[in-house]
Amino acid sequence: MTSTPATPPPTIGSGHEGDIKDQFLAYFRNLRQGEMGALPALGGFLVLVILFSFLSGQFLTPLNMANLLTQTATLMTLAVALVFVILLGEIDLSAGVTSGVGAATFVVLVHNTHLNWILALIVAGAVGLAIGTFIGFFVARVGIPSFVVTLGLFLGFQGLQLLIIGRGGAYRIETPEINAIMNKNLPVWLGWALFVVVMLIATAIAFWDRRRRTKAGVVNRPILLMFLRLVAIAVAGGLFVALLSVDRAASRGELNGVPIAHDAIIGVPIVVPFAIAILWIGTFILDRTRFGRHLYAVGGNPEAARRAGIRVAGIRLTAFIVCSGLAVVAGIFDASRIGVVTAASGSQIVLSGVAAAVVGGVSLFGGRGRLVHAAIGALVIAVIANGLGLLGLPAGVNFLVTGGVLILAATIDAVSRKRGAGALTR
C-alpha cells in the first residue's frame, strides 16, 4: 500500500508565501514561548483609555487627544534613544541630563552670542554626539560598565548645566521656530498631505520588503496580511487626522450658557510628523540595515557575535552616539513645550524613558524589542499622567501607578524569558 506524500512546507530559498493559518499558529506558538512583544502594553493602553473615558468626560475630546500627543513626544523620543543601548543590555542614566545640556547649549548660544538658531541647533546636536562618543569609548573600549559611566555623567552634567545656564538659572525660548514645534499646528491640508505621503511610503516599503525577501530566497508572509496591515494604518491614520482637523477649542464648552470665545485650534500638532519620522527612520535602521542586525546580535550574545566577525565595540560605541544624539532632540522638544530651559532640565525624565521602553516590551536583558514598543510604552505612561491629571489626583498617585506598571512590565519580561528558555530545553 502506498501513501500520497504530504506537501512539503515552504522552505527558505523557495520564495513561497506562507499560509495565513500557519502565520497565526506561529504567532500563538511564540506567545506560549513568552514572545509577547508589545501585546501587554497594548492591552494596558486600551484598558486605561476605556477607564479614563468613563471617569472623565474630557479625556476623549479632540483637545485632550492633541495634548496627549504633544505630552508623549518628548518621552517617546527619549525612550527611542534608550532602546538603542537597552537592546545591547546596557543603560544610559545620563540621557536625561544630556538632553538638558543640549537644550542649555542651544538657548545660551542663541541668547548670549546671538548665533543663528539653525547653527545653534547643529552645535547642540554635535554636543550630544560628543557625549555619546565619550560614553561609548569608556564602555566599549575601556570596559567600564555603562551603569557606572552614565551615573557619573548624570551627576556631573547637572553641574555642567549650572555652569552653562549661569546665575540666572533659566532662559526663555524666544526662537519662534522652536516654540512652534510643540505649540503650533499644521494647516489642515498639510496634515492630509502628510497622511498621503506616509501611506505611499508605507506601501513602497512593504512591497520593497517582499521583493528583497524573494530575492534573498526567504519565505514571504501572505500578501493578504500586508494589505490588511496597510488598511489598518490607513484607517487609524485617517481617523487620527480627521479628529485633529476639527476645532479642538470648541470642546472648552460654555460659561453661564454663553459659548466661550476662542480662536480656532485645528490641524495636526507640528511635533507629530517629527516624532513619526524619528520612529520610522530608527525602525528602518534597526530592521533593515546591517547595523541593526548586528545590534540585535550583540545584544543577544556578544561572544557569538564577536566570533561571527561583528565589531562588537564599534556597535556599542555607535549605539551610545545615537542615544545621546536623540536625547538632545528630546531636550529641544521639552524646551519647546515648557518654553524655558533651566539648570534642572532633563534631570527627572530619564527614568521615565527607561520605564517607557520596558513597559512597551523592550527587554532589559538585551536582544529583544523594537522602537515601536518603546513608543507604545511612552503612550501608556503619558495616558496615566494625562488621565490622573484630568481627575485632579495628586502627583504622588501618578508616580505610584507608573512605578507599579513598570514593575509589572519587568516581571512579565522576566517570566516570559524563563518560559522561552524552558521551551527551548524541552
Foldseek 3Di string as FASTA:
>chain_A
DDDDDDDDADDQQNLAAHDPVVVVVVVVVLVLLLQCFQVLLVVLQVVLLVVLVVVDVPCPFLVNVLVLVLLLLLLLLLLLLQLLQLQLLAGALQLLLLLLQLLLQQQCCCPPVVPDSVVSNVVSLVSLLVVLLVLLCCCLPVNDGSVVVNVVNLVVSLVVLCVSNDDVQKDFDPDVVLLQQSPAFDQLVVLVVVLVVVLVVLVVVLVVVSVVSSVSRHHHYDVVVSVVVSVVSSVVSVVSSVSQAAFSVQVVAADPPHRDDDDGHHHRRNNVVVSVVSQVVSQCCLPPHPLNVLSLVSLVPVVVSVVVVHPNSVSSSVSSSSSSSSSNVSSSSVCSVVRMRGSCGSSPSNVVSNLLQLLLPSASSHNDHGSVSSSSSSSSLSSLVSSCVSVVHDVVVSVVVSVVSSVVSNVSNVVSVVSNVVVVVD
